[in-house]
């Protein structure tokens, strides 16, 4: 098992992923076996509005059975596996799409209502909607005159 395949405990996992991301962007991507093949973790967009926190994760070619989504405390974790054809008798002429396991962990800045989290996979994009808990949603306070 290489150091890139291990899953260190948080917060070290996030630090490792950030260092990997910086290194990958500098050299064009390094995958297992030190082959230059591109990014191993799927790209993520994370944003919020008054009601929810949203995560969009690019996972082309995967189905929901290939993906696990967990929310523990203030961390969203997405794991999955891209099909690997190395066991099959194929002769790649070019291989730019990475295969194997991946995981992303993201810190959620707001307390969320875990009972109402929704994950939808459409057109290769996993959209996770994390509704904010009622106590953290902004509330407009009416101003009264005397």
C-alpha atoms as a PDB file:
ATOM      1  CA  UNK A   1       0.000   0.000   0.000  1.00  0.00           C
ATOM      2  CA  UNK A   2       1.455   3.360  -0.980  1.00  0.00           C
ATOM      3  CA  UNK A   3       1.166   6.518   1.110  1.00  0.00           C
ATOM      4  CA  UNK A   4      -1.454   7.887  -1.310  1.00  0.00           C
ATOM      5  CA  UNK A   5      -3.737   4.889  -0.674  1.00  0.00           C
ATOM      6  CA  UNK A   6      -3.816   5.340   3.107  1.00  0.00           C
ATOM      7  CA  UNK A   7      -6.613   7.341   4.664  1.00  0.00           C
ATOM      8  CA  UNK A   8      -5.112   9.338   7.567  1.00  0.00           C
ATOM      9  CA  UNK A   9      -7.353  10.659  10.332  1.00  0.00           C
ATOM     10  CA  UNK A  10      -8.847  14.134  10.050  1.00  0.00           C
ATOM     11  CA  UNK A  11      -7.483  16.865  10.016  1.00  0.00           C
ATOM     12  CA  UNK A  12      -4.383  15.239   8.496  1.00  0.00           C
ATOM     13  CA  UNK A  13      -6.455  13.752   5.677  1.00  0.00           C
ATOM     14  CA  UNK A  14      -7.535  17.221   4.568  1.00  0.00           C
ATOM     15  CA  UNK A  15      -3.934  18.464   4.742  1.00  0.00           C
ATOM     16  CA  UNK A  16      -2.735  15.481   2.687  1.00  0.00           C
ATOM     17  CA  UNK A  17      -5.427  16.060   0.049  1.00  0.00           C
ATOM     18  CA  UNK A  18      -4.535  19.763  -0.166  1.00  0.00           C
ATOM     19  CA  UNK A  19      -0.814  18.987  -0.595  1.00  0.00           C
ATOM     20  CA  UNK A  20      -1.737  16.352  -3.216  1.00  0.00           C
ATOM     21  CA  UNK A  21      -3.908  18.902  -5.034  1.00  0.00           C
ATOM     22  CA  UNK A  22      -1.107  21.475  -5.083  1.00  0.00           C
ATOM     23  CA  UNK A  23       1.413  18.905  -6.279  1.00  0.00           C
ATOM     24  CA  UNK A  24      -0.990  17.564  -8.922  1.00  0.00           C
ATOM     25  CA  UNK A  25      -1.675  21.064 -10.263  1.00  0.00           C
ATOM     26  CA  UNK A  26       2.078  21.728 -10.458  1.00  0.00           C
ATOM     27  CA  UNK A  27       3.186  18.549 -12.241  1.00  0.00           C
ATOM     28  CA  UNK A  28      -0.003  17.718 -14.122  1.00  0.00           C
ATOM     29  CA  UNK A  29      -1.123  14.935 -11.842  1.00  0.00           C
ATOM     30  CA  UNK A  30       0.459  11.878 -10.346  1.00  0.00           C
ATOM     31  CA  UNK A  31      -1.450   8.663  -9.799  1.00  0.00           C
ATOM     32  CA  UNK A  32      -0.557   5.368  -8.126  1.00  0.00           C
ATOM     33  CA  UNK A  33       2.659   3.952  -9.527  1.00  0.00           C
ATOM     34  CA  UNK A  34       3.868   7.514 -10.230  1.00  0.00           C
ATOM     35  CA  UNK A  35       2.280   7.589 -13.660  1.00  0.00           C
ATOM     36  CA  UNK A  36       1.305  11.056 -14.822  1.00  0.00           C
ATOM     37  CA  UNK A  37      -2.392  10.581 -15.494  1.00  0.00           C
ATOM     38  CA  UNK A  38      -4.346  13.509 -14.116  1.00  0.00           C
ATOM     39  CA  UNK A  39      -6.352  14.273 -11.053  1.00  0.00           C
ATOM     40  CA  UNK A  40      -7.398  11.356  -8.827  1.00  0.00           C
ATOM     41  CA  UNK A  41      -9.985  13.172  -6.712  1.00  0.00           C
ATOM     42  CA  UNK A  42     -13.171  14.429  -8.365  1.00  0.00           C
ATOM     43  CA  UNK A  43     -13.546  18.218  -8.645  1.00  0.00           C
ATOM     44  CA  UNK A  44     -15.957  19.791  -6.149  1.00  0.00           C
ATOM     45  CA  UNK A  45     -17.938  23.025  -5.948  1.00  0.00           C
ATOM     46  CA  UNK A  46     -19.187  23.932  -2.453  1.00  0.00           C
ATOM     47  CA  UNK A  47     -21.417  26.928  -1.730  1.00  0.00           C
ATOM     48  CA  UNK A  48     -24.262  28.066   0.488  1.00  0.00           C
ATOM     49  CA  UNK A  49     -27.314  30.277   0.519  1.00  0.00           C
ATOM     50  CA  UNK A  50     -29.601  31.251   3.422  1.00  0.00           C
ATOM     51  CA  UNK A  51     -31.302  27.846   3.504  1.00  0.00           C
ATOM     52  CA  UNK A  52     -28.725  25.200   2.507  1.00  0.00           C
ATOM     53  CA  UNK A  53     -25.132  24.221   1.844  1.00  0.00           C
ATOM     54  CA  UNK A  54     -24.607  22.618  -1.577  1.00  0.00           C
ATOM     55  CA  UNK A  55     -21.872  20.361  -2.930  1.00  0.00           C
ATOM     56  CA  UNK A  56     -21.505  19.424  -6.598  1.00  0.00           C
ATOM     57  CA  UNK A  57     -19.041  16.634  -7.342  1.00  0.00           C
ATOM     58  CA  UNK A  58     -18.092  15.479 -10.841  1.00  0.00           C
ATOM     59  CA  UNK A  59     -18.327  11.677 -11.069  1.00  0.00           C
ATOM     60  CA  UNK A  60     -18.859  10.823 -14.769  1.00  0.00           C
ATOM     61  CA  UNK A  61     -19.616   7.202 -15.554  1.00  0.00           C
ATOM     62  CA  UNK A  62     -20.536   6.264 -11.982  1.00  0.00           C
ATOM     63  CA  UNK A  63     -23.870   5.134 -10.581  1.00  0.00           C
ATOM     64  CA  UNK A  64     -25.202   5.714  -7.072  1.00  0.00           C
ATOM     65  CA  UNK A  65     -24.144   2.157  -6.148  1.00  0.00           C
ATOM     66  CA  UNK A  66     -20.508   3.241  -6.783  1.00  0.00           C
ATOM     67  CA  UNK A  67     -20.743   6.186  -4.346  1.00  0.00           C
ATOM     68  CA  UNK A  68     -21.080   6.563  -0.556  1.00  0.00           C
ATOM     69  CA  UNK A  69     -22.041   9.852   1.085  1.00  0.00           C
ATOM     70  CA  UNK A  70     -21.658  10.428   4.843  1.00  0.00           C
ATOM     71  CA  UNK A  71     -22.079  13.448   7.085  1.00  0.00           C
ATOM     72  CA  UNK A  72     -20.433  13.188  10.491  1.00  0.00           C
ATOM     73  CA  UNK A  73     -20.395  16.284  12.635  1.00  0.00           C
ATOM     74  CA  UNK A  74     -19.296  19.159  10.442  1.00  0.00           C
ATOM     75  CA  UNK A  75     -17.701  17.020   7.729  1.00  0.00           C
ATOM     76  CA  UNK A  76     -19.138  15.781   4.434  1.00  0.00           C
ATOM     77  CA  UNK A  77     -17.390  12.672   3.139  1.00  0.00           C
ATOM     78  CA  UNK A  78     -17.833  11.227  -0.355  1.00  0.00           C
ATOM     79  CA  UNK A  79     -16.190   7.946  -1.348  1.00  0.00           C
ATOM     80  CA  UNK A  80     -16.424   5.948  -4.501  1.00  0.00           C
ATOM     81  CA  UNK A  81     -14.760   3.665  -6.936  1.00  0.00           C
ATOM     82  CA  UNK A  82     -14.168   4.138 -10.630  1.00  0.00           C
ATOM     83  CA  UNK A  83     -14.071   0.888 -12.640  1.00  0.00           C
ATOM     84  CA  UNK A  84     -10.609  -0.538 -13.217  1.00  0.00           C
ATOM     85  CA  UNK A  85      -9.975  -2.627 -16.334  1.00  0.00           C
ATOM     86  CA  UNK A  86      -6.418  -3.637 -15.441  1.00  0.00           C
ATOM     87  CA  UNK A  87      -7.665  -7.148 -14.570  1.00  0.00           C
ATOM     88  CA  UNK A  88      -9.246  -7.506 -18.005  1.00  0.00           C
ATOM     89  CA  UNK A  89      -7.222  -8.313 -21.080  1.00  0.00           C
ATOM     90  CA  UNK A  90      -7.096  -4.858 -22.617  1.00  0.00           C
ATOM     91  CA  UNK A  91      -4.313  -2.939 -24.272  1.00  0.00           C
ATOM     92  CA  UNK A  92      -4.697   0.764 -23.555  1.00  0.00           C
ATOM     93  CA  UNK A  93      -3.592   3.011 -26.377  1.00  0.00           C
ATOM     94  CA  UNK A  94      -4.195   6.038 -24.179  1.00  0.00           C
ATOM     95  CA  UNK A  95      -5.548   6.263 -20.635  1.00  0.00           C
ATOM     96  CA  UNK A  96      -6.411   9.684 -19.257  1.00  0.00           C
ATOM     97  CA  UNK A  97      -9.370   8.766 -17.048  1.00  0.00           C
ATOM     98  CA  UNK A  98      -8.165   7.521 -13.685  1.00  0.00           C
ATOM     99  CA  UNK A  99      -9.612   4.430 -12.029  1.00  0.00           C
ATOM    100  CA  UNK A 100      -9.789   3.026  -8.529  1.00  0.00           C
ATOM    101  CA  UNK A 101     -10.939   4.371  -5.187  1.00  0.00           C
ATOM    102  CA  UNK A 102     -11.376   8.045  -4.383  1.00  0.00           C
ATOM    103  CA  UNK A 103     -12.544  10.041  -1.385  1.00  0.00           C
ATOM    104  CA  UNK A 104     -13.215  13.678  -0.639  1.00  0.00           C
ATOM    105  CA  UNK A 105     -13.858  15.188   2.777  1.00  0.00           C
ATOM    106  CA  UNK A 106     -15.176  18.707   3.075  1.00  0.00           C
ATOM    107  CA  UNK A 107     -15.741  20.809   6.175  1.00  0.00           C
ATOM    108  CA  UNK A 108     -19.261  22.209   6.355  1.00  0.00           C
ATOM    109  CA  UNK A 109     -19.284  25.694   7.874  1.00  0.00           C
ATOM    110  CA  UNK A 110     -22.869  25.522   9.182  1.00  0.00           C
ATOM    111  CA  UNK A 111     -24.809  23.070  11.318  1.00  0.00           C
ATOM    112  CA  UNK A 112     -27.051  21.017   9.018  1.00  0.00           C
ATOM    113  CA  UNK A 113     -30.252  19.041   9.468  1.00  0.00           C
ATOM    114  CA  UNK A 114     -28.987  15.491   8.853  1.00  0.00           C
ATOM    115  CA  UNK A 115     -32.513  14.097   8.435  1.00  0.00           C
ATOM    116  CA  UNK A 116     -33.161  16.235   5.342  1.00  0.00           C
ATOM    117  CA  UNK A 117     -29.886  15.802   3.409  1.00  0.00           C
ATOM    118  CA  UNK A 118     -30.477  14.903  -0.233  1.00  0.00           C
ATOM    119  CA  UNK A 119     -28.039  13.445  -2.797  1.00  0.00           C
ATOM    120  CA  UNK A 120     -28.942  13.315  -6.504  1.00  0.00           C
ATOM    121  CA  UNK A 121     -26.792  11.960  -9.334  1.00  0.00           C
ATOM    122  CA  UNK A 122     -27.640  13.430 -12.737  1.00  0.00           C
ATOM    123  CA  UNK A 123     -25.542  13.681 -15.910  1.00  0.00           C
ATOM    124  CA  UNK A 124     -22.341  12.686 -14.082  1.00  0.00           C
ATOM    125  CA  UNK A 125     -22.711  15.324 -11.365  1.00  0.00           C
ATOM    126  CA  UNK A 126     -23.549  14.371  -7.775  1.00  0.00           C
ATOM    127  CA  UNK A 127     -25.446  17.220  -6.107  1.00  0.00           C
ATOM    128  CA  UNK A 128     -25.718  17.056  -2.334  1.00  0.00           C
ATOM    129  CA  UNK A 129     -28.125  19.449  -0.628  1.00  0.00           C
ATOM    130  CA  UNK A 130     -27.524  19.949   3.079  1.00  0.00           C
ATOM    131  CA  UNK A 131     -30.350  22.013   4.648  1.00  0.00           C
ATOM    132  CA  UNK A 132     -29.140  24.241   7.461  1.00  0.00           C
ATOM    133  CA  UNK A 133     -30.448  23.601  10.965  1.00  0.00           C
ATOM    134  CA  UNK A 134     -33.154  26.044  12.006  1.00  0.00           C
ATOM    135  CA  UNK A 135     -30.939  27.659  14.656  1.00  0.00           C
ATOM    136  CA  UNK A 136     -28.338  28.817  12.109  1.00  0.00           C
ATOM    137  CA  UNK A 137     -30.626  30.119   9.372  1.00  0.00           C
ATOM    138  CA  UNK A 138     -30.730  33.908   9.087  1.00  0.00           C
ATOM    139  CA  UNK A 139     -33.944  35.347  10.403  1.00  0.00           C
ATOM    140  CA  UNK A 140     -35.365  38.744   9.574  1.00  0.00           C
ATOM    141  CA  UNK A 141     -36.382  40.642  12.689  1.00  0.00           C
ATOM    142  CA  UNK A 142     -39.230  43.134  12.177  1.00  0.00           C
ATOM    143  CA  UNK A 143     -38.546  46.636  13.468  1.00  0.00           C
ATOM    144  CA  UNK A 144     -41.443  48.156  15.400  1.00  0.00           C
ATOM    145  CA  UNK A 145     -42.083  51.827  15.925  1.00  0.00           C
ATOM    146  CA  UNK A 146     -43.355  53.470  19.096  1.00  0.00           C
END
